Amino acid sequence: MEIPHEALLLRIFIGESARWHHQPLYEAIVLKAREVHLAGATVLRASMGFGKSSRLHTTKIIRLSDDLPVVIEIVDSEEKINAFLPVLEEMMHSGLMTLERARVIFYRGAKPQAPAASLRPPGPA
């Protein structure tokens, strides 16, 4: 799969407790992105934040939150991101989505590893 050098970064801000059909919304979004063959998705869990309600969500012991902020980032072509937006519109009941232009420097998978060498040191057996 290739991503054009000029792509879009879709950033989705939601609460960790948000659900879609009895599963975490962030998980449902990543699985749906994979299903429609987007280039990839990353979920980032924040330690503190607030949204439209101005309610503070934090990991501090005094006020431990069960709804920490979660950010999902997806980079792909403009066409593929735009096609994915209506899917998100249906899945998200709250949160924030942003789009920005991104310049893709490279998009590579992991290099295959060479077979493990024998653990025995070289020399006579």
PDB file of N, CA and C in Angstrom:
ATOM      1  N   MET A   1       0.847  -1.171   0.000  1.00  0.00           N
ATOM      2  CA  MET A   1       0.000   0.000   0.000  1.00  0.00           C
ATOM      3  C   MET A   1       0.893   1.234   0.000  1.00  0.00           C
ATOM      4  N   GLU A   2       0.550   2.201  -0.795  1.00  0.00           N
ATOM      5  CA  GLU A   2       1.303   3.443  -0.882  1.00  0.00           C
ATOM      6  C   GLU A   2       0.452   4.596  -0.363  1.00  0.00           C
ATOM      7  N   ILE A   3       1.119   5.570   0.220  1.00  0.00           N
ATOM      8  CA  ILE A   3       0.479   6.817   0.625  1.00  0.00           C
ATOM      9  C   ILE A   3       1.138   7.911  -0.194  1.00  0.00           C
ATOM     10  N   PRO A   4       0.360   8.812  -0.778  1.00  0.00           N
ATOM     11  CA  PRO A   4       0.994   9.904  -1.518  1.00  0.00           C
ATOM     12  C   PRO A   4       1.783  10.804  -0.568  1.00  0.00           C
ATOM     13  N   HIS A   5       2.791  11.492  -1.101  1.00  0.00           N
ATOM     14  CA  HIS A   5       3.578  12.394  -0.259  1.00  0.00           C
ATOM     15  C   HIS A   5       2.711  13.469   0.371  1.00  0.00           C
ATOM     16  N   GLU A   6       1.737  13.949  -0.372  1.00  0.00           N
ATOM     17  CA  GLU A   6       0.807  14.938   0.175  1.00  0.00           C
ATOM     18  C   GLU A   6      -0.425  14.182   0.648  1.00  0.00           C
ATOM     19  N   ALA A   7      -0.601  14.099   1.962  1.00  0.00           N
ATOM     20  CA  ALA A   7      -1.677  13.302   2.555  1.00  0.00           C
ATOM     21  C   ALA A   7      -2.420  14.146   3.584  1.00  0.00           C
ATOM     22  N   LEU A   8      -3.367  13.522   4.266  1.00  0.00           N
ATOM     23  CA  LEU A   8      -4.093  14.181   5.347  1.00  0.00           C
ATOM     24  C   LEU A   8      -3.841  13.430   6.648  1.00  0.00           C
ATOM     25  N   LEU A   9      -3.782  14.184   7.737  1.00  0.00           N
ATOM     26  CA  LEU A   9      -3.734  13.626   9.085  1.00  0.00           C
ATOM     27  C   LEU A   9      -5.096  13.862   9.715  1.00  0.00           C
ATOM     28  N   LEU A  10      -5.765  12.780  10.026  1.00  0.00           N
ATOM     29  CA  LEU A  10      -7.044  12.835  10.726  1.00  0.00           C
ATOM     30  C   LEU A  10      -6.751  12.580  12.191  1.00  0.00           C
ATOM     31  N   ARG A  11      -7.163  13.500  13.042  1.00  0.00           N
ATOM     32  CA  ARG A  11      -6.936  13.357  14.479  1.00  0.00           C
ATOM     33  C   ARG A  11      -8.295  13.363  15.161  1.00  0.00           C
ATOM     34  N   ILE A  12      -8.540  12.351  15.976  1.00  0.00           N
ATOM     35  CA  ILE A  12      -9.829  12.162  16.639  1.00  0.00           C
ATOM     36  C   ILE A  12      -9.602  12.201  18.151  1.00  0.00           C
ATOM     37  N   PHE A  13     -10.311  13.076  18.830  1.00  0.00           N
ATOM     38  CA  PHE A  13     -10.209  13.211  20.280  1.00  0.00           C
ATOM     39  C   PHE A  13     -11.507  12.693  20.897  1.00  0.00           C
ATOM     40  N   ILE A  14     -11.395  11.680  21.743  1.00  0.00           N
ATOM     41  CA  ILE A  14     -12.572  11.115  22.412  1.00  0.00           C
ATOM     42  C   ILE A  14     -12.191  10.750  23.841  1.00  0.00           C
ATOM     43  N   GLY A  15     -13.185  10.372  24.617  1.00  0.00           N
ATOM     44  CA  GLY A  15     -12.948   9.864  25.967  1.00  0.00           C
ATOM     45  C   GLY A  15     -12.766   8.356  25.927  1.00  0.00           C
ATOM     46  N   GLU A  16     -11.938   7.872  26.813  1.00  0.00           N
ATOM     47  CA  GLU A  16     -11.640   6.444  26.881  1.00  0.00           C
ATOM     48  C   GLU A  16     -12.887   5.594  27.135  1.00  0.00           C
ATOM     49  N   SER A  17     -13.880   6.154  27.812  1.00  0.00           N
ATOM     50  CA  SER A  17     -15.079   5.378  28.149  1.00  0.00           C
ATOM     51  C   SER A  17     -16.119   5.357  27.030  1.00  0.00           C
ATOM     52  N   ALA A  18     -15.914   6.113  25.943  1.00  0.00           N
ATOM     53  CA  ALA A  18     -16.880   6.128  24.832  1.00  0.00           C
ATOM     54  C   ALA A  18     -16.986   4.730  24.225  1.00  0.00           C
ATOM     55  N   ARG A  19     -18.198   4.335  23.879  1.00  0.00           N
ATOM     56  CA  ARG A  19     -18.455   2.986  23.375  1.00  0.00           C
ATOM     57  C   ARG A  19     -19.149   3.018  22.021  1.00  0.00           C
ATOM     58  N   TRP A  20     -18.959   1.949  21.261  1.00  0.00           N
ATOM     59  CA  TRP A  20     -19.657   1.702  20.000  1.00  0.00           C
ATOM     60  C   TRP A  20     -19.990   0.213  19.990  1.00  0.00           C
ATOM     61  N   HIS A  21     -21.270  -0.099  20.053  1.00  0.00           N
ATOM     62  CA  HIS A  21     -21.726  -1.495  20.061  1.00  0.00           C
ATOM     63  C   HIS A  21     -20.981  -2.327  21.107  1.00  0.00           C
ATOM     64  N   HIS A  22     -20.959  -1.848  22.333  1.00  0.00           N
ATOM     65  CA  HIS A  22     -20.403  -2.562  23.491  1.00  0.00           C
ATOM     66  C   HIS A  22     -18.893  -2.767  23.450  1.00  0.00           C
ATOM     67  N   GLN A  23     -18.161  -2.024  22.636  1.00  0.00           N
ATOM     68  CA  GLN A  23     -16.707  -2.098  22.661  1.00  0.00           C
ATOM     69  C   GLN A  23     -16.177  -0.670  22.724  1.00  0.00           C
ATOM     70  N   PRO A  24     -14.957  -0.500  23.224  1.00  0.00           N
ATOM     71  CA  PRO A  24     -14.415   0.859  23.271  1.00  0.00           C
ATOM     72  C   PRO A  24     -14.429   1.497  21.882  1.00  0.00           C
ATOM     73  N   LEU A  25     -14.854   2.755  21.821  1.00  0.00           N
ATOM     74  CA  LEU A  25     -14.962   3.449  20.544  1.00  0.00           C
ATOM     75  C   LEU A  25     -13.615   3.535  19.843  1.00  0.00           C
ATOM     76  N   TYR A  26     -12.543   3.800  20.602  1.00  0.00           N
ATOM     77  CA  TYR A  26     -11.226   3.898  19.964  1.00  0.00           C
ATOM     78  C   TYR A  26     -10.854   2.589  19.286  1.00  0.00           C
ATOM     79  N   GLU A  27     -11.213   1.471  19.908  1.00  0.00           N
ATOM     80  CA  GLU A  27     -10.932   0.160  19.316  1.00  0.00           C
ATOM     81  C   GLU A  27     -11.782  -0.058  18.064  1.00  0.00           C
ATOM     82  N   ALA A  28     -13.052   0.307  18.137  1.00  0.00           N
ATOM     83  CA  ALA A  28     -13.954   0.154  16.994  1.00  0.00           C
ATOM     84  C   ALA A  28     -13.478   0.997  15.807  1.00  0.00           C
ATOM     85  N   ILE A  29     -12.982   2.210  16.080  1.00  0.00           N
ATOM     86  CA  ILE A  29     -12.498   3.073  15.005  1.00  0.00           C
ATOM     87  C   ILE A  29     -11.267   2.473  14.340  1.00  0.00           C
ATOM     88  N   VAL A  30     -10.333   1.991  15.141  1.00  0.00           N
ATOM     89  CA  VAL A  30      -9.114   1.390  14.581  1.00  0.00           C
ATOM     90  C   VAL A  30      -9.458   0.149  13.758  1.00  0.00           C
ATOM     91  N   LEU A  31     -10.339  -0.691  14.259  1.00  0.00           N
ATOM     92  CA  LEU A  31     -10.720  -1.895  13.521  1.00  0.00           C
ATOM     93  C   LEU A  31     -11.435  -1.549  12.217  1.00  0.00           C
ATOM     94  N   LYS A  32     -12.278  -0.521  12.241  1.00  0.00           N
ATOM     95  CA  LYS A  32     -12.980  -0.088  11.027  1.00  0.00           C
ATOM     96  C   LYS A  32     -11.981   0.499  10.024  1.00  0.00           C
ATOM     97  N   ALA A  33     -11.015   1.283  10.507  1.00  0.00           N
ATOM     98  CA  ALA A  33      -9.984   1.846   9.624  1.00  0.00           C
ATOM     99  C   ALA A  33      -9.201   0.723   8.952  1.00  0.00           C
ATOM    100  N   ARG A  34      -8.904  -0.318   9.694  1.00  0.00           N
ATOM    101  CA  ARG A  34      -8.188  -1.476   9.134  1.00  0.00           C
ATOM    102  C   ARG A  34      -9.055  -2.201   8.104  1.00  0.00           C
ATOM    103  N   GLU A  35     -10.335  -2.330   8.431  1.00  0.00           N
ATOM    104  CA  GLU A  35     -11.272  -3.023   7.541  1.00  0.00           C
ATOM    105  C   GLU A  35     -11.391  -2.334   6.182  1.00  0.00           C
ATOM    106  N   VAL A  36     -11.338  -1.007   6.178  1.00  0.00           N
ATOM    107  CA  VAL A  36     -11.460  -0.265   4.916  1.00  0.00           C
ATOM    108  C   VAL A  36     -10.099   0.035   4.297  1.00  0.00           C
ATOM    109  N   HIS A  37      -9.066  -0.602   4.824  1.00  0.00           N
ATOM    110  CA  HIS A  37      -7.712  -0.556   4.255  1.00  0.00           C
ATOM    111  C   HIS A  37      -7.058   0.816   4.298  1.00  0.00           C
ATOM    112  N   LEU A  38      -7.294   1.544   5.392  1.00  0.00           N
ATOM    113  CA  LEU A  38      -6.528   2.769   5.576  1.00  0.00           C
ATOM    114  C   LEU A  38      -5.097   2.371   5.924  1.00  0.00           C
ATOM    115  N   ALA A  39      -4.164   3.284   5.733  1.00  0.00           N
ATOM    116  CA  ALA A  39      -2.742   2.970   5.865  1.00  0.00           C
ATOM    117  C   ALA A  39      -2.362   2.546   7.281  1.00  0.00           C
ATOM    118  N   GLY A  40      -3.017   3.071   8.293  1.00  0.00           N
ATOM    119  CA  GLY A  40      -2.697   2.724   9.668  1.00  0.00           C
ATOM    120  C   GLY A  40      -3.384   3.668  10.623  1.00  0.00           C
ATOM    121  N   ALA A  41      -3.428   3.280  11.876  1.00  0.00           N
ATOM    122  CA  ALA A  41      -4.037   4.111  12.912  1.00  0.00           C
ATOM    123  C   ALA A  41      -3.253   3.909  14.202  1.00  0.00           C
ATOM    124  N   THR A  42      -3.133   4.972  14.978  1.00  0.00           N
ATOM    125  CA  THR A  42      -2.438   4.927  16.256  1.00  0.00           C
ATOM    126  C   THR A  42      -3.339   5.527  17.322  1.00  0.00           C
ATOM    127  N   VAL A  43      -3.421   4.852  18.458  1.00  0.00           N
ATOM    128  CA  VAL A  43      -4.202   5.337  19.593  1.00  0.00           C
ATOM    129  C   VAL A  43      -3.228   5.815  20.662  1.00  0.00           C
ATOM    130  N   LEU A  44      -3.429   7.039  21.110  1.00  0.00           N
ATOM    131  CA  LEU A  44      -2.609   7.635  22.160  1.00  0.00           C
ATOM    132  C   LEU A  44      -3.497   7.937  23.362  1.00  0.00           C
ATOM    133  N   ARG A  45      -3.106   7.441  24.522  1.00  0.00           N
ATOM    134  CA  ARG A  45      -3.872   7.680  25.745  1.00  0.00           C
ATOM    135  C   ARG A  45      -3.190   8.819  26.497  1.00  0.00           C
ATOM    136  N   ALA A  46      -3.953   9.849  26.799  1.00  0.00           N
ATOM    137  CA  ALA A  46      -3.400  11.022  27.472  1.00  0.00           C
ATOM    138  C   ALA A  46      -3.534  10.883  28.985  1.00  0.00           C
ATOM    139  N   SER A  47      -2.722  11.620  29.719  1.00  0.00           N
ATOM    140  CA  SER A  47      -2.789  11.584  31.174  1.00  0.00           C
ATOM    141  C   SER A  47      -3.652  12.703  31.746  1.00  0.00           C
ATOM    142  N   MET A  48      -4.005  13.675  30.881  1.00  0.00           N
ATOM    143  CA  MET A  48      -4.841  14.769  31.353  1.00  0.00           C
ATOM    144  C   MET A  48      -5.453  15.509  30.177  1.00  0.00           C
ATOM    145  N   GLY A  49      -6.669  16.026  30.369  1.00  0.00           N
ATOM    146  CA  GLY A  49      -7.301  16.826  29.335  1.00  0.00           C
ATOM    147  C   GLY A  49      -8.708  17.227  29.718  1.00  0.00           C
ATOM    148  N   PHE A  50      -9.307  18.069  28.887  1.00  0.00           N
ATOM    149  CA  PHE A  50     -10.708  18.423  29.036  1.00  0.00           C
ATOM    150  C   PHE A  50     -11.273  18.711  27.664  1.00  0.00           C
ATOM    151  N   GLY A  51     -12.582  18.647  27.556  1.00  0.00           N
ATOM    152  CA  GLY A  51     -13.247  18.872  26.282  1.00  0.00           C
ATOM    153  C   GLY A  51     -14.319  19.932  26.395  1.00  0.00           C
ATOM    154  N   LYS A  52     -15.357  19.776  25.601  1.00  0.00           N
ATOM    155  CA  LYS A  52     -16.409  20.788  25.498  1.00  0.00           C
ATOM    156  C   LYS A  52     -17.075  21.092  26.836  1.00  0.00           C
ATOM    157  N   SER A  53     -17.210  20.073  27.698  1.00  0.00           N
ATOM    158  CA  SER A  53     -17.862  20.274  28.996  1.00  0.00           C
ATOM    159  C   SER A  53     -16.956  20.971  30.005  1.00  0.00           C
ATOM    160  N   SER A  54     -15.661  21.100  29.701  1.00  0.00           N
ATOM    161  CA  SER A  54     -14.638  21.661  30.589  1.00  0.00           C
ATOM    162  C   SER A  54     -14.388  20.801  31.826  1.00  0.00           C
ATOM    163  N   ARG A  55     -14.937  19.598  31.852  1.00  0.00           N
ATOM    164  CA  ARG A  55     -14.674  18.672  32.956  1.00  0.00           C
ATOM    165  C   ARG A  55     -13.268  18.125  32.799  1.00  0.00           C
ATOM    166  N   LEU A  56     -12.464  18.221  33.862  1.00  0.00           N
ATOM    167  CA  LEU A  56     -11.076  17.791  33.829  1.00  0.00           C
ATOM    168  C   LEU A  56     -10.982  16.279  34.004  1.00  0.00           C
ATOM    169  N   HIS A  57     -10.222  15.626  33.143  1.00  0.00           N
ATOM    170  CA  HIS A  57      -9.960  14.187  33.217  1.00  0.00           C
ATOM    171  C   HIS A  57      -8.464  14.043  33.462  1.00  0.00           C
ATOM    172  N   THR A  58      -8.107  13.340  34.528  1.00  0.00           N
ATOM    173  CA  THR A  58      -6.699  13.263  34.891  1.00  0.00           C
ATOM    174  C   THR A  58      -6.360  11.929  35.543  1.00  0.00           C
ATOM    175  N   THR A  59      -5.074  11.593  35.546  1.00  0.00           N
ATOM    176  CA  THR A  59      -4.596  10.375  36.207  1.00  0.00           C
ATOM    177  C   THR A  59      -4.149  10.650  37.635  1.00  0.00           C
ATOM    178  N   LYS A  60      -4.233  11.909  38.073  1.00  0.00           N
ATOM    179  CA  LYS A  60      -3.805  12.247  39.428  1.00  0.00           C
ATOM    180  C   LYS A  60      -4.617  11.444  40.445  1.00  0.00           C
ATOM    181  N   ILE A  61      -3.954  10.975  41.475  1.00  0.00           N
ATOM    182  CA  ILE A  61      -4.580  10.115  42.488  1.00  0.00           C
ATOM    183  C   ILE A  61      -5.776  10.791  43.141  1.00  0.00           C
ATOM    184  N   ILE A  62      -5.668  12.079  43.415  1.00  0.00           N
ATOM    185  CA  ILE A  62      -6.760  12.777  44.097  1.00  0.00           C
ATOM    186  C   ILE A  62      -8.052  12.717  43.288  1.00  0.00           C
ATOM    187  N   ARG A  63      -7.911  12.730  41.970  1.00  0.00           N
ATOM    188  CA  ARG A  63      -9.094  12.788  41.122  1.00  0.00           C
ATOM    189  C   ARG A  63      -8.914  11.820  39.958  1.00  0.00           C
ATOM    190  N   LEU A  64      -8.800  10.556  40.277  1.00  0.00           N
ATOM    191  CA  LEU A  64      -8.551   9.540  39.262  1.00  0.00           C
ATOM    192  C   LEU A  64      -9.744   9.420  38.324  1.00  0.00           C
ATOM    193  N   SER A  65      -9.494   9.539  37.046  1.00  0.00           N
ATOM    194  CA  SER A  65     -10.558   9.510  36.043  1.00  0.00           C
ATOM    195  C   SER A  65     -10.638   8.135  35.393  1.00  0.00           C
ATOM    196  N   ASP A  66     -11.843   7.690  35.145  1.00  0.00           N
ATOM    197  CA  ASP A  66     -12.036   6.459  34.379  1.00  0.00           C
ATOM    198  C   ASP A  66     -12.363   6.789  32.928  1.00  0.00           C
ATOM    199  N   ASP A  67     -12.205   8.050  32.563  1.00  0.00           N
ATOM    200  CA  ASP A  67     -12.520   8.503  31.206  1.00  0.00           C
ATOM    201  C   ASP A  67     -11.404   9.403  30.700  1.00  0.00           C
ATOM    202  N   LEU A  68     -10.191   8.861  30.625  1.00  0.00           N
ATOM    203  CA  LEU A  68      -9.046   9.657  30.174  1.00  0.00           C
ATOM    204  C   LEU A  68      -9.175  10.003  28.697  1.00  0.00           C
ATOM    205  N   PRO A  69      -8.558  11.102  28.288  1.00  0.00           N
ATOM    206  CA  PRO A  69      -8.591  11.475  26.873  1.00  0.00           C
ATOM    207  C   PRO A  69      -7.828  10.457  26.018  1.00  0.00           C
ATOM    208  N   VAL A  70      -8.363  10.198  24.835  1.00  0.00           N
ATOM    209  CA  VAL A  70      -7.743   9.299  23.866  1.00  0.00           C
ATOM    210  C   VAL A  70      -7.690  10.041  22.535  1.00  0.00           C
ATOM    211  N   VAL A  71      -6.535   9.946  21.867  1.00  0.00           N
ATOM    212  CA  VAL A  71      -6.372  10.555  20.548  1.00  0.00           C
ATOM    213  C   VAL A  71      -6.060   9.442  19.557  1.00  0.00           C
ATOM    214  N   ILE A  72      -6.780   9.419  18.458  1.00  0.00           N
ATOM    215  CA  ILE A  72      -6.532   8.455  17.387  1.00  0.00           C
ATOM    216  C   ILE A  72      -6.017   9.246  16.196  1.00  0.00           C
ATOM    217  N   GLU A  73      -4.883   8.826  15.655  1.00  0.00           N
ATOM    218  CA  GLU A  73      -4.317   9.503  14.493  1.00  0.00           C
ATOM    219  C   GLU A  73      -4.272   8.550  13.315  1.00  0.00           C
ATOM    220  N   ILE A  74      -4.726   9.046  12.176  1.00  0.00           N
ATOM    221  CA  ILE A  74      -4.743   8.261  10.939  1.00  0.00           C
ATOM    222  C   ILE A  74      -4.206   9.152   9.821  1.00  0.00           C
ATOM    223  N   VAL A  75      -3.233   8.650   9.065  1.00  0.00           N
ATOM    224  CA  VAL A  75      -2.690   9.380   7.915  1.00  0.00           C
ATOM    225  C   VAL A  75      -2.948   8.550   6.668  1.00  0.00           C
ATOM    226  N   ASP A  76      -3.520   9.163   5.651  1.00  0.00           N
ATOM    227  CA  ASP A  76      -3.738   8.495   4.373  1.00  0.00           C
ATOM    228  C   ASP A  76      -4.037   9.559   3.335  1.00  0.00           C
ATOM    229  N   SER A  77      -4.369   9.106   2.143  1.00  0.00           N
ATOM    230  CA  SER A  77      -4.672  10.048   1.064  1.00  0.00           C
ATOM    231  C   SER A  77      -5.944  10.827   1.400  1.00  0.00           C
ATOM    232  N   GLU A  78      -6.056  11.991   0.784  1.00  0.00           N
ATOM    233  CA  GLU A  78      -7.237  12.825   1.005  1.00  0.00           C
ATOM    234  C   GLU A  78      -8.517  12.086   0.634  1.00  0.00           C
ATOM    235  N   GLU A  79      -8.488  11.354  -0.469  1.00  0.00           N
ATOM    236  CA  GLU A  79      -9.678  10.625  -0.921  1.00  0.00           C
ATOM    237  C   GLU A  79     -10.115   9.564   0.101  1.00  0.00           C
ATOM    238  N   LYS A  80      -9.148   8.807   0.620  1.00  0.00           N
ATOM    239  CA  LYS A  80      -9.490   7.736   1.566  1.00  0.00           C
ATOM    240  C   LYS A  80      -9.950   8.284   2.910  1.00  0.00           C
ATOM    241  N   ILE A  81      -9.316   9.353   3.373  1.00  0.00           N
ATOM    242  CA  ILE A  81      -9.743   9.976   4.633  1.00  0.00           C
ATOM    243  C   ILE A  81     -11.145  10.552   4.478  1.00  0.00           C
ATOM    244  N   ASN A  82     -11.394  11.274   3.378  1.00  0.00           N
ATOM    245  CA  ASN A  82     -12.719  11.854   3.167  1.00  0.00           C
ATOM    246  C   ASN A  82     -13.802  10.780   3.064  1.00  0.00           C
ATOM    247  N   ALA A  83     -13.481   9.641   2.495  1.00  0.00           N
ATOM    248  CA  ALA A  83     -14.445   8.540   2.407  1.00  0.00           C
ATOM    249  C   ALA A  83     -14.726   7.933   3.779  1.00  0.00           C
ATOM    250  N   PHE A  84     -13.777   8.060   4.700  1.00  0.00           N
ATOM    251  CA  PHE A  84     -13.921   7.483   6.049  1.00  0.00           C
ATOM    252  C   PHE A  84     -14.719   8.397   6.993  1.00  0.00           C
ATOM    253  N   LEU A  85     -14.797   9.675   6.691  1.00  0.00           N
ATOM    254  CA  LEU A  85     -15.474  10.622   7.579  1.00  0.00           C
ATOM    255  C   LEU A  85     -16.940  10.288   7.843  1.00  0.00           C
ATOM    256  N   PRO A  86     -17.742   9.891   6.845  1.00  0.00           N
ATOM    257  CA  PRO A  86     -19.132   9.535   7.140  1.00  0.00           C
ATOM    258  C   PRO A  86     -19.256   8.333   8.093  1.00  0.00           C
ATOM    259  N   VAL A  87     -18.314   7.419   8.031  1.00  0.00           N
ATOM    260  CA  VAL A  87     -18.303   6.273   8.953  1.00  0.00           C
ATOM    261  C   VAL A  87     -18.122   6.786  10.383  1.00  0.00           C
ATOM    262  N   LEU A  88     -17.174   7.694  10.559  1.00  0.00           N
ATOM    263  CA  LEU A  88     -16.924   8.262  11.886  1.00  0.00           C
ATOM    264  C   LEU A  88     -18.112   9.081  12.370  1.00  0.00           C
ATOM    265  N   GLU A  89     -18.730   9.800  11.463  1.00  0.00           N
ATOM    266  CA  GLU A  89     -19.909  10.610  11.811  1.00  0.00           C
ATOM    267  C   GLU A  89     -20.983   9.737  12.460  1.00  0.00           C
ATOM    268  N   GLU A  90     -21.150   8.542  11.942  1.00  0.00           N
ATOM    269  CA  GLU A  90     -22.137   7.602  12.490  1.00  0.00           C
ATOM    270  C   GLU A  90     -21.685   7.032  13.839  1.00  0.00           C
ATOM    271  N   MET A  91     -20.412   6.793  13.996  1.00  0.00           N
ATOM    272  CA  MET A  91     -19.897   6.140  15.209  1.00  0.00           C
ATOM    273  C   MET A  91     -19.747   7.089  16.398  1.00  0.00           C
ATOM    274  N   MET A  92     -19.438   8.351  16.128  1.00  0.00           N
ATOM    275  CA  MET A  92     -19.109   9.287  17.205  1.00  0.00           C
ATOM    276  C   MET A  92     -20.316  10.115  17.621  1.00  0.00           C
ATOM    277  N   HIS A  93     -20.621  10.094  18.908  1.00  0.00           N
ATOM    278  CA  HIS A  93     -21.714  10.918  19.435  1.00  0.00           C
ATOM    279  C   HIS A  93     -21.165  12.142  20.161  1.00  0.00           C
ATOM    280  N   SER A  94     -19.878  12.098  20.499  1.00  0.00           N
ATOM    281  CA  SER A  94     -19.209  13.241  21.112  1.00  0.00           C
ATOM    282  C   SER A  94     -17.737  13.157  20.744  1.00  0.00           C
ATOM    283  N   GLY A  95     -17.024  14.235  20.970  1.00  0.00           N
ATOM    284  CA  GLY A  95     -15.601  14.249  20.662  1.00  0.00           C
ATOM    285  C   GLY A  95     -15.267  15.366  19.690  1.00  0.00           C
ATOM    286  N   LEU A  96     -14.064  15.301  19.155  1.00  0.00           N
ATOM    287  CA  LEU A  96     -13.566  16.326  18.242  1.00  0.00           C
ATOM    288  C   LEU A  96     -12.752  15.635  17.155  1.00  0.00           C
ATOM    289  N   MET A  97     -12.931  16.066  15.917  1.00  0.00           N
ATOM    290  CA  MET A  97     -12.125  15.567  14.800  1.00  0.00           C
ATOM    291  C   MET A  97     -11.469  16.757  14.121  1.00  0.00           C
ATOM    292  N   THR A  98     -10.197  16.598  13.775  1.00  0.00           N
ATOM    293  CA  THR A  98      -9.493  17.636  13.031  1.00  0.00           C
ATOM    294  C   THR A  98      -8.794  17.002  11.834  1.00  0.00           C
ATOM    295  N   LEU A  99      -8.593  17.809  10.826  1.00  0.00           N
ATOM    296  CA  LEU A  99      -7.863  17.398   9.633  1.00  0.00           C
ATOM    297  C   LEU A  99      -6.768  18.409   9.362  1.00  0.00           C
ATOM    298  N   GLU A 100      -5.616  17.919   8.978  1.00  0.00           N
ATOM    299  CA  GLU A 100      -4.559  18.826   8.546  1.00  0.00           C
ATOM    300  C   GLU A 100      -3.735  18.143   7.463  1.00  0.00           C
ATOM    301  N   ARG A 101      -3.114  18.952   6.672  1.00  0.00           N
ATOM    302  CA  ARG A 101      -2.249  18.431   5.616  1.00  0.00           C
ATOM    303  C   ARG A 101      -1.003  17.834   6.255  1.00  0.00           C
ATOM    304  N   ALA A 102      -0.541  16.751   5.684  1.00  0.00           N
ATOM    305  CA  ALA A 102       0.669  16.089   6.177  1.00  0.00           C
ATOM    306  C   ALA A 102       1.554  15.732   4.994  1.00  0.00           C
ATOM    307  N   ARG A 103       2.833  15.897   5.157  1.00  0.00           N
ATOM    308  CA  ARG A 103       3.802  15.488   4.129  1.00  0.00           C
ATOM    309  C   ARG A 103       4.406  14.182   4.594  1.00  0.00           C
ATOM    310  N   VAL A 104       4.155  13.129   3.858  1.00  0.00           N
ATOM    311  CA  VAL A 104       4.666  11.801   4.200  1.00  0.00           C
ATOM    312  C   VAL A 104       6.108  11.700   3.712  1.00  0.00           C
ATOM    313  N   ILE A 105       7.011  11.467   4.617  1.00  0.00           N
ATOM    314  CA  ILE A 105       8.426  11.328   4.279  1.00  0.00           C
ATOM    315  C   ILE A 105       8.697   9.900   3.816  1.00  0.00           C
ATOM    316  N   PHE A 106       8.252   8.927   4.598  1.00  0.00           N
ATOM    317  CA  PHE A 106       8.281   7.539   4.139  1.00  0.00           C
ATOM    318  C   PHE A 106       7.262   6.718   4.908  1.00  0.00           C
ATOM    319  N   TYR A 107       6.865   5.607   4.324  1.00  0.00           N
ATOM    320  CA  TYR A 107       5.896   4.690   4.912  1.00  0.00           C
ATOM    321  C   TYR A 107       6.413   3.297   4.615  1.00  0.00           C
ATOM    322  N   ARG A 108       7.003   2.669   5.614  1.00  0.00           N
ATOM    323  CA  ARG A 108       7.644   1.371   5.417  1.00  0.00           C
ATOM    324  C   ARG A 108       7.212   0.409   6.506  1.00  0.00           C
ATOM    325  N   GLY A 109       7.188  -0.863   6.147  1.00  0.00           N
ATOM    326  CA  GLY A 109       6.974  -1.906   7.129  1.00  0.00           C
ATOM    327  C   GLY A 109       8.303  -2.321   7.729  1.00  0.00           C
ATOM    328  N   ALA A 110       8.231  -3.185   8.711  1.00  0.00           N
ATOM    329  CA  ALA A 110       9.456  -3.689   9.342  1.00  0.00           C
ATOM    330  C   ALA A 110      10.219  -4.562   8.358  1.00  0.00           C
ATOM    331  N   LYS A 111      11.537  -4.493   8.430  1.00  0.00           N
ATOM    332  CA  LYS A 111      12.361  -5.339   7.576  1.00  0.00           C
ATOM    333  C   LYS A 111      12.286  -6.769   8.101  1.00  0.00           C
ATOM    334  N   PRO A 112      12.213  -7.753   7.192  1.00  0.00           N
ATOM    335  CA  PRO A 112      12.201  -9.138   7.661  1.00  0.00           C
ATOM    336  C   PRO A 112      13.521  -9.455   8.348  1.00  0.00           C
ATOM    337  N   GLN A 113      13.437 -10.189   9.429  1.00  0.00           N
ATOM    338  CA  GLN A 113      14.631 -10.556  10.177  1.00  0.00           C
ATOM    339  C   GLN A 113      15.284 -11.779   9.555  1.00  0.00           C
ATOM    340  N   ALA A 114      16.606 -11.790   9.564  1.00  0.00           N
ATOM    341  CA  ALA A 114      17.347 -12.962   9.081  1.00  0.00           C
ATOM    342  C   ALA A 114      17.145 -14.083  10.091  1.00  0.00           C
ATOM    343  N   PRO A 115      17.201 -15.345   9.640  1.00  0.00           N
ATOM    344  CA  PRO A 115      17.050 -16.459  10.580  1.00  0.00           C
ATOM    345  C   PRO A 115      18.120 -16.353  11.660  1.00  0.00           C
ATOM    346  N   ALA A 116      17.743 -16.730  12.875  1.00  0.00           N
ATOM    347  CA  ALA A 116      18.672 -16.656  14.000  1.00  0.00           C
ATOM    348  C   ALA A 116      19.861 -17.576  13.754  1.00  0.00           C
ATOM    349  N   ALA A 117      21.041 -17.061  14.004  1.00  0.00           N
ATOM    350  CA  ALA A 117      22.259 -17.871  13.852  1.00  0.00           C
ATOM    351  C   ALA A 117      22.327 -18.873  15.000  1.00  0.00           C
ATOM    352  N   SER A 118      23.069 -19.910  14.785  1.00  0.00           N
ATOM    353  CA  SER A 118      23.247 -20.931  15.812  1.00  0.00           C
ATOM    354  C   SER A 118      23.841 -20.288  17.060  1.00  0.00           C
ATOM    355  N   LEU A 119      23.412 -20.737  18.208  1.00  0.00           N
ATOM    356  CA  LEU A 119      23.914 -20.204  19.454  1.00  0.00           C
ATOM    357  C   LEU A 119      25.311 -20.741  19.778  1.00  0.00           C
ATOM    358  N   ARG A 120      25.732 -21.804  19.097  1.00  0.00           N
ATOM    359  CA  ARG A 120      27.037 -22.393  19.335  1.00  0.00           C
ATOM    360  C   ARG A 120      28.107 -21.507  18.717  1.00  0.00           C
ATOM    361  N   PRO A 121      29.211 -21.229  19.440  1.00  0.00           N
ATOM    362  CA  PRO A 121      30.272 -20.398  18.859  1.00  0.00           C
ATOM    363  C   PRO A 121      30.957 -21.131  17.705  1.00  0.00           C
ATOM    364  N   PRO A 122      31.505 -20.377  16.744  1.00  0.00           N
ATOM    365  CA  PRO A 122      32.168 -21.020  15.608  1.00  0.00           C
ATOM    366  C   PRO A 122      33.407 -21.801  16.089  1.00  0.00           C
ATOM    367  N   GLY A 123      33.748 -22.809  15.360  1.00  0.00           N
ATOM    368  CA  GLY A 123      34.927 -23.617  15.705  1.00  0.00           C
ATOM    369  C   GLY A 123      34.593 -25.085  15.682  1.00  0.00           C
ATOM    370  N   PRO A 124      35.527 -25.915  16.082  1.00  0.00           N
ATOM    371  CA  PRO A 124      35.284 -27.368  16.066  1.00  0.00           C
ATOM    372  C   PRO A 124      34.182 -27.736  17.033  1.00  0.00           C
ATOM    373  N   ALA A 125      33.431 -28.720  16.653  1.00  0.00           N
ATOM    374  CA  ALA A 125      32.309 -29.160  17.482  1.00  0.00           C
ATOM    375  C   ALA A 125      32.716 -30.151  18.529  1.00  0.00           C
TER     376      ALA A 125
END
